[in-house]
Amino acid sequence: ALIRRIGDSTEYAQPMKGRFTISRDNTKNTVTLQ
């Protein structure tokens, strides 16, 4: 998966959709994967 800074737009590989969630905190420069 990936996440962009602008609008926190996300993309997932097809097999990952549903169970995987990516998020980002731009202020802290961190990204998470649930």
PDB file of all heavy atoms in Angstrom:
ATOM      1  N   ALA A   1       0.831  -1.198   0.000  1.00  0.00           N
ATOM      2  CA  ALA A   1       0.000   0.000   0.000  1.00  0.00           C
ATOM      3  C   ALA A   1       0.862   1.243   0.000  1.00  0.00           C
ATOM      4  O   ALA A   1       2.044   1.194   0.334  1.00  0.00           O
ATOM      5  CB  ALA A   1      -0.925   0.009   1.222  1.00  0.00           C
ATOM      6  N   LEU A   2       0.267   2.370  -0.370  1.00  0.00           N
ATOM      7  CA  LEU A   2       0.958   3.647  -0.310  1.00  0.00           C
ATOM      8  C   LEU A   2      -0.012   4.740   0.091  1.00  0.00           C
ATOM      9  O   LEU A   2      -1.231   4.598  -0.031  1.00  0.00           O
ATOM     10  CB  LEU A   2       1.632   3.987  -1.653  1.00  0.00           C
ATOM     11  CG  LEU A   2       0.759   4.265  -2.886  1.00  0.00           C
ATOM     12  CD1 LEU A   2       0.267   5.721  -2.904  1.00  0.00           C
ATOM     13  CD2 LEU A   2       1.543   3.972  -4.158  1.00  0.00           C
ATOM     14  N   ILE A   3       0.551   5.836   0.557  1.00  0.00           N
ATOM     15  CA  ILE A   3      -0.263   6.981   0.939  1.00  0.00           C
ATOM     16  C   ILE A   3       0.475   8.254   0.539  1.00  0.00           C
ATOM     17  O   ILE A   3       1.673   8.385   0.757  1.00  0.00           O
ATOM     18  CB  ILE A   3      -0.592   6.963   2.449  1.00  0.00           C
ATOM     19  CG1 ILE A   3      -1.535   8.110   2.811  1.00  0.00           C
ATOM     20  CG2 ILE A   3       0.675   7.006   3.296  1.00  0.00           C
ATOM     21  CD1 ILE A   3      -2.157   7.962   4.197  1.00  0.00           C
ATOM     22  N   ARG A   4      -0.245   9.192  -0.070  1.00  0.00           N
ATOM     23  CA  ARG A   4       0.310  10.453  -0.507  1.00  0.00           C
ATOM     24  C   ARG A   4       0.067  11.551   0.517  1.00  0.00           C
ATOM     25  O   ARG A   4      -0.888  11.495   1.285  1.00  0.00           O
ATOM     26  CB  ARG A   4      -0.285  10.869  -1.852  1.00  0.00           C
ATOM     27  CG  ARG A   4      -0.023   9.883  -2.988  1.00  0.00           C
ATOM     28  CD  ARG A   4      -0.628  10.392  -4.284  1.00  0.00           C
ATOM     29  NE  ARG A   4      -0.319   9.516  -5.413  1.00  0.00           N
ATOM     30  CZ  ARG A   4      -1.037   8.463  -5.750  1.00  0.00           C
ATOM     31  NH1 ARG A   4      -2.110   8.131  -5.044  1.00  0.00           N
ATOM     32  NH2 ARG A   4      -0.685   7.722  -6.789  1.00  0.00           N
ATOM     33  N   ARG A   5       0.923  12.563   0.508  1.00  0.00           N
ATOM     34  CA  ARG A   5       0.798  13.665   1.446  1.00  0.00           C
ATOM     35  C   ARG A   5      -0.445  14.496   1.155  1.00  0.00           C
ATOM     36  O   ARG A   5      -1.162  14.899   2.071  1.00  0.00           O
ATOM     37  CB  ARG A   5       2.037  14.558   1.396  1.00  0.00           C
ATOM     38  CG  ARG A   5       2.032  15.697   2.410  1.00  0.00           C
ATOM     39  CD  ARG A   5       3.222  16.619   2.190  1.00  0.00           C
ATOM     40  NE  ARG A   5       4.482  15.916   2.330  1.00  0.00           N
ATOM     41  CZ  ARG A   5       5.107  15.721   3.487  1.00  0.00           C
ATOM     42  NH1 ARG A   5       4.578  16.192   4.611  1.00  0.00           N
ATOM     43  NH2 ARG A   5       6.259  15.074   3.514  1.00  0.00           N
ATOM     44  N   ILE A   6      -0.686  14.773  -0.123  1.00  0.00           N
ATOM     45  CA  ILE A   6      -1.821  15.585  -0.521  1.00  0.00           C
ATOM     46  C   ILE A   6      -3.115  14.799  -0.398  1.00  0.00           C
ATOM     47  O   ILE A   6      -3.346  13.828  -1.124  1.00  0.00           O
ATOM     48  CB  ILE A   6      -1.662  16.102  -1.966  1.00  0.00           C
ATOM     49  CG1 ILE A   6      -0.389  16.939  -2.094  1.00  0.00           C
ATOM     50  CG2 ILE A   6      -2.875  16.924  -2.374  1.00  0.00           C
ATOM     51  CD1 ILE A   6      -0.112  17.428  -3.499  1.00  0.00           C
ATOM     52  N   GLY A   7      -3.951  15.231   0.550  1.00  0.00           N
ATOM     53  CA  GLY A   7      -5.235  14.603   0.752  1.00  0.00           C
ATOM     54  C   GLY A   7      -5.163  13.204   1.342  1.00  0.00           C
ATOM     55  O   GLY A   7      -6.189  12.535   1.466  1.00  0.00           O
ATOM     56  N   ASP A   8      -3.973  12.768   1.700  1.00  0.00           N
ATOM     57  CA  ASP A   8      -3.771  11.420   2.255  1.00  0.00           C
ATOM     58  C   ASP A   8      -4.386  10.352   1.360  1.00  0.00           C
ATOM     59  O   ASP A   8      -4.960   9.364   1.840  1.00  0.00           O
ATOM     60  CB  ASP A   8      -4.367  11.332   3.659  1.00  0.00           C
ATOM     61  CG  ASP A   8      -3.543  12.069   4.693  1.00  0.00           C
ATOM     62  OD1 ASP A   8      -2.347  12.306   4.445  1.00  0.00           O
ATOM     63  OD2 ASP A   8      -4.101  12.410   5.757  1.00  0.00           O
ATOM     64  N   SER A   9      -4.267  10.560   0.059  1.00  0.00           N
ATOM     65  CA  SER A   9      -4.782   9.598  -0.903  1.00  0.00           C
ATOM     66  C   SER A   9      -4.041   8.271  -0.760  1.00  0.00           C
ATOM     67  O   SER A   9      -2.813   8.240  -0.630  1.00  0.00           O
ATOM     68  CB  SER A   9      -4.606  10.134  -2.322  1.00  0.00           C
ATOM     69  OG  SER A   9      -5.014   9.178  -3.282  1.00  0.00           O
ATOM     70  N   THR A  10      -4.785   7.180  -0.775  1.00  0.00           N
ATOM     71  CA  THR A  10      -4.191   5.858  -0.585  1.00  0.00           C
ATOM     72  C   THR A  10      -4.430   4.936  -1.770  1.00  0.00           C
ATOM     73  O   THR A  10      -5.385   5.106  -2.538  1.00  0.00           O
ATOM     74  CB  THR A  10      -4.760   5.183   0.672  1.00  0.00           C
ATOM     75  OG1 THR A  10      -6.180   5.034   0.535  1.00  0.00           O
ATOM     76  CG2 THR A  10      -4.475   6.015   1.914  1.00  0.00           C
ATOM     77  N   GLU A  11      -3.556   3.971  -1.907  1.00  0.00           N
ATOM     78  CA  GLU A  11      -3.692   2.929  -2.916  1.00  0.00           C
ATOM     79  C   GLU A  11      -3.260   1.610  -2.296  1.00  0.00           C
ATOM     80  O   GLU A  11      -2.335   1.566  -1.491  1.00  0.00           O
ATOM     81  CB  GLU A  11      -2.841   3.232  -4.152  1.00  0.00           C
ATOM     82  CG  GLU A  11      -3.295   4.441  -4.938  1.00  0.00           C
ATOM     83  CD  GLU A  11      -2.467   4.674  -6.189  1.00  0.00           C
ATOM     84  OE1 GLU A  11      -1.716   3.752  -6.587  1.00  0.00           O
ATOM     85  OE2 GLU A  11      -2.577   5.762  -6.777  1.00  0.00           O
ATOM     86  N   TYR A  12      -3.932   0.552  -2.680  1.00  0.00           N
ATOM     87  CA  TYR A  12      -3.625  -0.771  -2.169  1.00  0.00           C
ATOM     88  C   TYR A  12      -3.455  -1.764  -3.298  1.00  0.00           C
ATOM     89  O   TYR A  12      -4.126  -1.658  -4.329  1.00  0.00           O
ATOM     90  CB  TYR A  12      -4.747  -1.273  -1.258  1.00  0.00           C
ATOM     91  CG  TYR A  12      -4.962  -0.464  -0.003  1.00  0.00           C
ATOM     92  CD1 TYR A  12      -5.810   0.634  -0.002  1.00  0.00           C
ATOM     93  CD2 TYR A  12      -4.328  -0.809   1.180  1.00  0.00           C
ATOM     94  CE1 TYR A  12      -6.012   1.376   1.149  1.00  0.00           C
ATOM     95  CE2 TYR A  12      -4.528  -0.080   2.339  1.00  0.00           C
ATOM     96  CZ  TYR A  12      -5.368   1.013   2.320  1.00  0.00           C
ATOM     97  OH  TYR A  12      -5.567   1.741   3.466  1.00  0.00           O
ATOM     98  N   ALA A  13      -2.577  -2.713  -3.089  1.00  0.00           N
ATOM     99  CA  ALA A  13      -2.505  -3.827  -4.013  1.00  0.00           C
ATOM    100  C   ALA A  13      -3.823  -4.575  -3.884  1.00  0.00           C
ATOM    101  O   ALA A  13      -4.386  -4.661  -2.786  1.00  0.00           O
ATOM    102  CB  ALA A  13      -1.332  -4.737  -3.668  1.00  0.00           C
ATOM    103  N   GLN A  14      -4.328  -5.100  -4.974  1.00  0.00           N
ATOM    104  CA  GLN A  14      -5.632  -5.757  -4.967  1.00  0.00           C
ATOM    105  C   GLN A  14      -5.781  -6.809  -3.865  1.00  0.00           C
ATOM    106  O   GLN A  14      -6.804  -6.844  -3.184  1.00  0.00           O
ATOM    107  CB  GLN A  14      -5.928  -6.362  -6.335  1.00  0.00           C
ATOM    108  CG  GLN A  14      -7.339  -6.916  -6.476  1.00  0.00           C
ATOM    109  CD  GLN A  14      -8.400  -5.849  -6.317  1.00  0.00           C
ATOM    110  OE1 GLN A  14      -8.264  -4.729  -6.818  1.00  0.00           O
ATOM    111  NE2 GLN A  14      -9.467  -6.185  -5.597  1.00  0.00           N
ATOM    112  N   PRO A  15      -4.780  -7.671  -3.666  1.00  0.00           N
ATOM    113  CA  PRO A  15      -4.925  -8.693  -2.620  1.00  0.00           C
ATOM    114  C   PRO A  15      -4.990  -8.121  -1.206  1.00  0.00           C
ATOM    115  O   PRO A  15      -5.427  -8.816  -0.286  1.00  0.00           O
ATOM    116  CB  PRO A  15      -3.670  -9.558  -2.791  1.00  0.00           C
ATOM    117  CG  PRO A  15      -3.239  -9.323  -4.200  1.00  0.00           C
ATOM    118  CD  PRO A  15      -3.548  -7.880  -4.441  1.00  0.00           C
ATOM    119  N   MET A  16      -4.564  -6.882  -1.015  1.00  0.00           N
ATOM    120  CA  MET A  16      -4.516  -6.273   0.310  1.00  0.00           C
ATOM    121  C   MET A  16      -5.785  -5.511   0.672  1.00  0.00           C
ATOM    122  O   MET A  16      -5.975  -5.150   1.835  1.00  0.00           O
ATOM    123  CB  MET A  16      -3.331  -5.313   0.410  1.00  0.00           C
ATOM    124  CG  MET A  16      -2.033  -5.821  -0.185  1.00  0.00           C
ATOM    125  SD  MET A  16      -1.499  -7.383   0.541  1.00  0.00           S
ATOM    126  CE  MET A  16      -0.110  -7.766  -0.539  1.00  0.00           C
ATOM    127  N   LYS A  17      -6.623  -5.256  -0.286  1.00  0.00           N
ATOM    128  CA  LYS A  17      -7.825  -4.481  -0.036  1.00  0.00           C
ATOM    129  C   LYS A  17      -8.746  -5.198   0.938  1.00  0.00           C
ATOM    130  O   LYS A  17      -9.026  -6.378   0.801  1.00  0.00           O
ATOM    131  CB  LYS A  17      -8.566  -4.193  -1.345  1.00  0.00           C
ATOM    132  CG  LYS A  17      -7.799  -3.273  -2.283  1.00  0.00           C
ATOM    133  CD  LYS A  17      -8.596  -2.973  -3.547  1.00  0.00           C
ATOM    134  CE  LYS A  17      -7.840  -2.019  -4.455  1.00  0.00           C
ATOM    135  NZ  LYS A  17      -8.589  -1.721  -5.699  1.00  0.00           N
ATOM    136  N   GLY A  18      -9.186  -4.447   1.943  1.00  0.00           N
ATOM    137  CA  GLY A  18     -10.109  -4.992   2.927  1.00  0.00           C
ATOM    138  C   GLY A  18      -9.473  -5.211   4.280  1.00  0.00           C
ATOM    139  O   GLY A  18      -9.943  -4.674   5.281  1.00  0.00           O
ATOM    140  N   ARG A  19      -8.401  -5.993   4.336  1.00  0.00           N
ATOM    141  CA  ARG A  19      -7.770  -6.331   5.601  1.00  0.00           C
ATOM    142  C   ARG A  19      -6.634  -5.387   5.976  1.00  0.00           C
ATOM    143  O   ARG A  19      -6.222  -5.359   7.131  1.00  0.00           O
ATOM    144  CB  ARG A  19      -7.232  -7.760   5.571  1.00  0.00           C
ATOM    145  CG  ARG A  19      -8.301  -8.814   5.381  1.00  0.00           C
ATOM    146  CD  ARG A  19      -7.727 -10.214   5.585  1.00  0.00           C
ATOM    147  NE  ARG A  19      -6.695 -10.541   4.614  1.00  0.00           N
ATOM    148  CZ  ARG A  19      -5.415 -10.716   4.906  1.00  0.00           C
ATOM    149  NH1 ARG A  19      -4.995 -10.607   6.163  1.00  0.00           N
ATOM    150  NH2 ARG A  19      -4.545 -11.016   3.951  1.00  0.00           N
ATOM    151  N   PHE A  20      -6.128  -4.630   5.013  1.00  0.00           N
ATOM    152  CA  PHE A  20      -4.994  -3.738   5.241  1.00  0.00           C
ATOM    153  C   PHE A  20      -5.430  -2.282   5.223  1.00  0.00           C
ATOM    154  O   PHE A  20      -6.220  -1.873   4.371  1.00  0.00           O
ATOM    155  CB  PHE A  20      -3.917  -3.942   4.172  1.00  0.00           C
ATOM    156  CG  PHE A  20      -3.221  -5.273   4.246  1.00  0.00           C
ATOM    157  CD1 PHE A  20      -3.876  -6.444   3.892  1.00  0.00           C
ATOM    158  CD2 PHE A  20      -1.898  -5.349   4.651  1.00  0.00           C
ATOM    159  CE1 PHE A  20      -3.235  -7.669   3.955  1.00  0.00           C
ATOM    160  CE2 PHE A  20      -1.236  -6.565   4.711  1.00  0.00           C
ATOM    161  CZ  PHE A  20      -1.905  -7.735   4.368  1.00  0.00           C
ATOM    162  N   THR A  21      -4.896  -1.508   6.156  1.00  0.00           N
ATOM    163  CA  THR A  21      -5.197  -0.088   6.218  1.00  0.00           C
ATOM    164  C   THR A  21      -3.924   0.705   6.462  1.00  0.00           C
ATOM    165  O   THR A  21      -3.228   0.472   7.447  1.00  0.00           O
ATOM    166  CB  THR A  21      -6.206   0.229   7.334  1.00  0.00           C
ATOM    167  OG1 THR A  21      -7.404  -0.536   7.146  1.00  0.00           O
ATOM    168  CG2 THR A  21      -6.568   1.710   7.304  1.00  0.00           C
ATOM    169  N   ILE A  22      -3.623   1.636   5.564  1.00  0.00           N
ATOM    170  CA  ILE A  22      -2.453   2.487   5.715  1.00  0.00           C
ATOM    171  C   ILE A  22      -2.904   3.880   6.141  1.00  0.00           C
ATOM    172  O   ILE A  22      -3.930   4.378   5.682  1.00  0.00           O
ATOM    173  CB  ILE A  22      -1.626   2.551   4.412  1.00  0.00           C
ATOM    174  CG1 ILE A  22      -0.304   3.292   4.640  1.00  0.00           C
ATOM    175  CG2 ILE A  22      -2.420   3.209   3.288  1.00  0.00           C
ATOM    176  CD1 ILE A  22       0.656   3.219   3.452  1.00  0.00           C
ATOM    177  N   SER A  23      -2.147   4.500   7.020  1.00  0.00           N
ATOM    178  CA  SER A  23      -2.454   5.847   7.472  1.00  0.00           C
ATOM    179  C   SER A  23      -1.153   6.613   7.680  1.00  0.00           C
ATOM    180  O   SER A  23      -0.073   6.018   7.749  1.00  0.00           O
ATOM    181  CB  SER A  23      -3.287   5.827   8.756  1.00  0.00           C
ATOM    182  OG  SER A  23      -2.593   5.167   9.803  1.00  0.00           O
ATOM    183  N   ARG A  24      -1.265   7.935   7.778  1.00  0.00           N
ATOM    184  CA  ARG A  24      -0.073   8.771   7.862  1.00  0.00           C
ATOM    185  C   ARG A  24      -0.303   9.971   8.752  1.00  0.00           C
ATOM    186  O   ARG A  24      -1.381  10.554   8.765  1.00  0.00           O
ATOM    187  CB  ARG A  24       0.312   9.217   6.448  1.00  0.00           C
ATOM    188  CG  ARG A  24       1.524  10.120   6.351  1.00  0.00           C
ATOM    189  CD  ARG A  24       1.872  10.364   4.896  1.00  0.00           C
ATOM    190  NE  ARG A  24       3.098  11.135   4.746  1.00  0.00           N
ATOM    191  CZ  ARG A  24       3.705  11.348   3.589  1.00  0.00           C
ATOM    192  NH1 ARG A  24       3.211  10.841   2.472  1.00  0.00           N
ATOM    193  NH2 ARG A  24       4.820  12.065   3.550  1.00  0.00           N
ATOM    194  N   ASP A  25       0.740  10.337   9.478  1.00  0.00           N
ATOM    195  CA  ASP A  25       0.745  11.553  10.267  1.00  0.00           C
ATOM    196  C   ASP A  25       1.862  12.410   9.685  1.00  0.00           C
ATOM    197  O   ASP A  25       3.037  12.197   9.987  1.00  0.00           O
ATOM    198  CB  ASP A  25       0.987  11.267  11.747  1.00  0.00           C
ATOM    199  CG  ASP A  25       0.869  12.504  12.610  1.00  0.00           C
ATOM    200  OD1 ASP A  25       1.152  13.613  12.126  1.00  0.00           O
ATOM    201  OD2 ASP A  25       0.493  12.372  13.790  1.00  0.00           O
ATOM    202  N   ASN A  26       1.503  13.367   8.838  1.00  0.00           N
ATOM    203  CA  ASN A  26       2.503  14.179   8.155  1.00  0.00           C
ATOM    204  C   ASN A  26       3.329  15.038   9.102  1.00  0.00           C
ATOM    205  O   ASN A  26       4.509  15.298   8.842  1.00  0.00           O
ATOM    206  CB  ASN A  26       1.826  15.070   7.105  1.00  0.00           C
ATOM    207  CG  ASN A  26       1.219  14.276   5.970  1.00  0.00           C
ATOM    208  OD1 ASN A  26       1.699  13.201   5.622  1.00  0.00           O
ATOM    209  ND2 ASN A  26       0.161  14.815   5.372  1.00  0.00           N
ATOM    210  N   THR A  27       2.714  15.487  10.179  1.00  0.00           N
ATOM    211  CA  THR A  27       3.427  16.314  11.147  1.00  0.00           C
ATOM    212  C   THR A  27       4.540  15.534  11.831  1.00  0.00           C
ATOM    213  O   THR A  27       5.640  16.048  12.043  1.00  0.00           O
ATOM    214  CB  THR A  27       2.462  16.874  12.201  1.00  0.00           C
ATOM    215  OG1 THR A  27       1.448  17.659  11.559  1.00  0.00           O
ATOM    216  CG2 THR A  27       3.217  17.746  13.194  1.00  0.00           C
ATOM    217  N   LYS A  28       4.257  14.286  12.167  1.00  0.00           N
ATOM    218  CA  LYS A  28       5.228  13.452  12.859  1.00  0.00           C
ATOM    219  C   LYS A  28       6.086  12.617  11.916  1.00  0.00           C
ATOM    220  O   LYS A  28       6.980  11.896  12.364  1.00  0.00           O
ATOM    221  CB  LYS A  28       4.508  12.535  13.840  1.00  0.00           C
ATOM    222  CG  LYS A  28       3.741  13.271  14.927  1.00  0.00           C
ATOM    223  CD  LYS A  28       3.051  12.295  15.867  1.00  0.00           C
ATOM    224  CE  LYS A  28       2.305  13.024  16.963  1.00  0.00           C
ATOM    225  NZ  LYS A  28       1.618  12.074  17.875  1.00  0.00           N
ATOM    226  N   ASN A  29       5.789  12.695  10.621  1.00  0.00           N
ATOM    227  CA  ASN A  29       6.515  11.908   9.623  1.00  0.00           C
ATOM    228  C   ASN A  29       6.478  10.417   9.945  1.00  0.00           C
ATOM    229  O   ASN A  29       7.509   9.734   9.946  1.00  0.00           O
ATOM    230  CB  ASN A  29       7.966  12.387   9.507  1.00  0.00           C
ATOM    231  CG  ASN A  29       8.078  13.732   8.833  1.00  0.00           C
ATOM    232  OD1 ASN A  29       7.341  14.036   7.894  1.00  0.00           O
ATOM    233  ND2 ASN A  29       9.017  14.550   9.301  1.00  0.00           N
ATOM    234  N   THR A  30       5.288   9.944  10.227  1.00  0.00           N
ATOM    235  CA  THR A  30       5.111   8.528  10.509  1.00  0.00           C
ATOM    236  C   THR A  30       4.018   7.949   9.625  1.00  0.00           C
ATOM    237  O   THR A  30       3.113   8.653   9.188  1.00  0.00           O
ATOM    238  CB  THR A  30       4.738   8.276  11.983  1.00  0.00           C
ATOM    239  OG1 THR A  30       3.504   8.949  12.285  1.00  0.00           O
ATOM    240  CG2 THR A  30       5.828   8.776  12.915  1.00  0.00           C
ATOM    241  N   VAL A  31       4.112   6.670   9.372  1.00  0.00           N
ATOM    242  CA  VAL A  31       3.101   5.963   8.609  1.00  0.00           C
ATOM    243  C   VAL A  31       2.857   4.627   9.298  1.00  0.00           C
ATOM    244  O   VAL A  31       3.780   4.030   9.852  1.00  0.00           O
ATOM    245  CB  VAL A  31       3.542   5.759   7.140  1.00  0.00           C
ATOM    246  CG1 VAL A  31       4.793   4.892   7.062  1.00  0.00           C
ATOM    247  CG2 VAL A  31       2.415   5.143   6.318  1.00  0.00           C
ATOM    248  N   THR A  32       1.614   4.189   9.290  1.00  0.00           N
ATOM    249  CA  THR A  32       1.274   2.936   9.945  1.00  0.00           C
ATOM    250  C   THR A  32       0.572   1.997   8.979  1.00  0.00           C
ATOM    251  O   THR A  32       0.004   2.423   7.978  1.00  0.00           O
ATOM    252  CB  THR A  32       0.361   3.162  11.164  1.00  0.00           C
ATOM    253  OG1 THR A  32      -0.888   3.731  10.732  1.00  0.00           O
ATOM    254  CG2 THR A  32       1.011   4.111  12.159  1.00  0.00           C
ATOM    255  N   LEU A  33       0.626   0.728   9.298  1.00  0.00           N
ATOM    256  CA  LEU A  33      -0.069  -0.285   8.517  1.00  0.00           C
ATOM    257  C   LEU A  33      -0.799  -1.196   9.486  1.00  0.00           C
ATOM    258  O   LEU A  33      -0.166  -1.879  10.289  1.00  0.00           O
ATOM    259  CB  LEU A  33       0.898  -1.100   7.665  1.00  0.00           C
ATOM    260  CG  LEU A  33       0.249  -2.174   6.784  1.00  0.00           C
ATOM    261  CD1 LEU A  33      -0.555  -1.513   5.659  1.00  0.00           C
ATOM    262  CD2 LEU A  33       1.301  -3.110   6.198  1.00  0.00           C
ATOM    263  N   GLN A  34      -2.112  -1.178   9.414  1.00  0.00           N
ATOM    264  CA  GLN A  34      -2.945  -2.037  10.233  1.00  0.00           C
ATOM    265  C   GLN A  34      -3.350  -3.250   9.411  1.00  0.00           C
ATOM    266  O   GLN A  34      -3.852  -3.111   8.294  1.00  0.00           O
ATOM    267  CB  GLN A  34      -4.199  -1.278  10.693  1.00  0.00           C
ATOM    268  CG  GLN A  34      -5.210  -2.109  11.460  1.00  0.00           C
ATOM    269  CD  GLN A  34      -4.822  -2.342  12.905  1.00  0.00           C
ATOM    270  OE1 GLN A  34      -4.086  -1.545  13.489  1.00  0.00           O
ATOM    271  NE2 GLN A  34      -5.316  -3.421  13.485  1.00  0.00           N
TER     272      GLN A  34
END
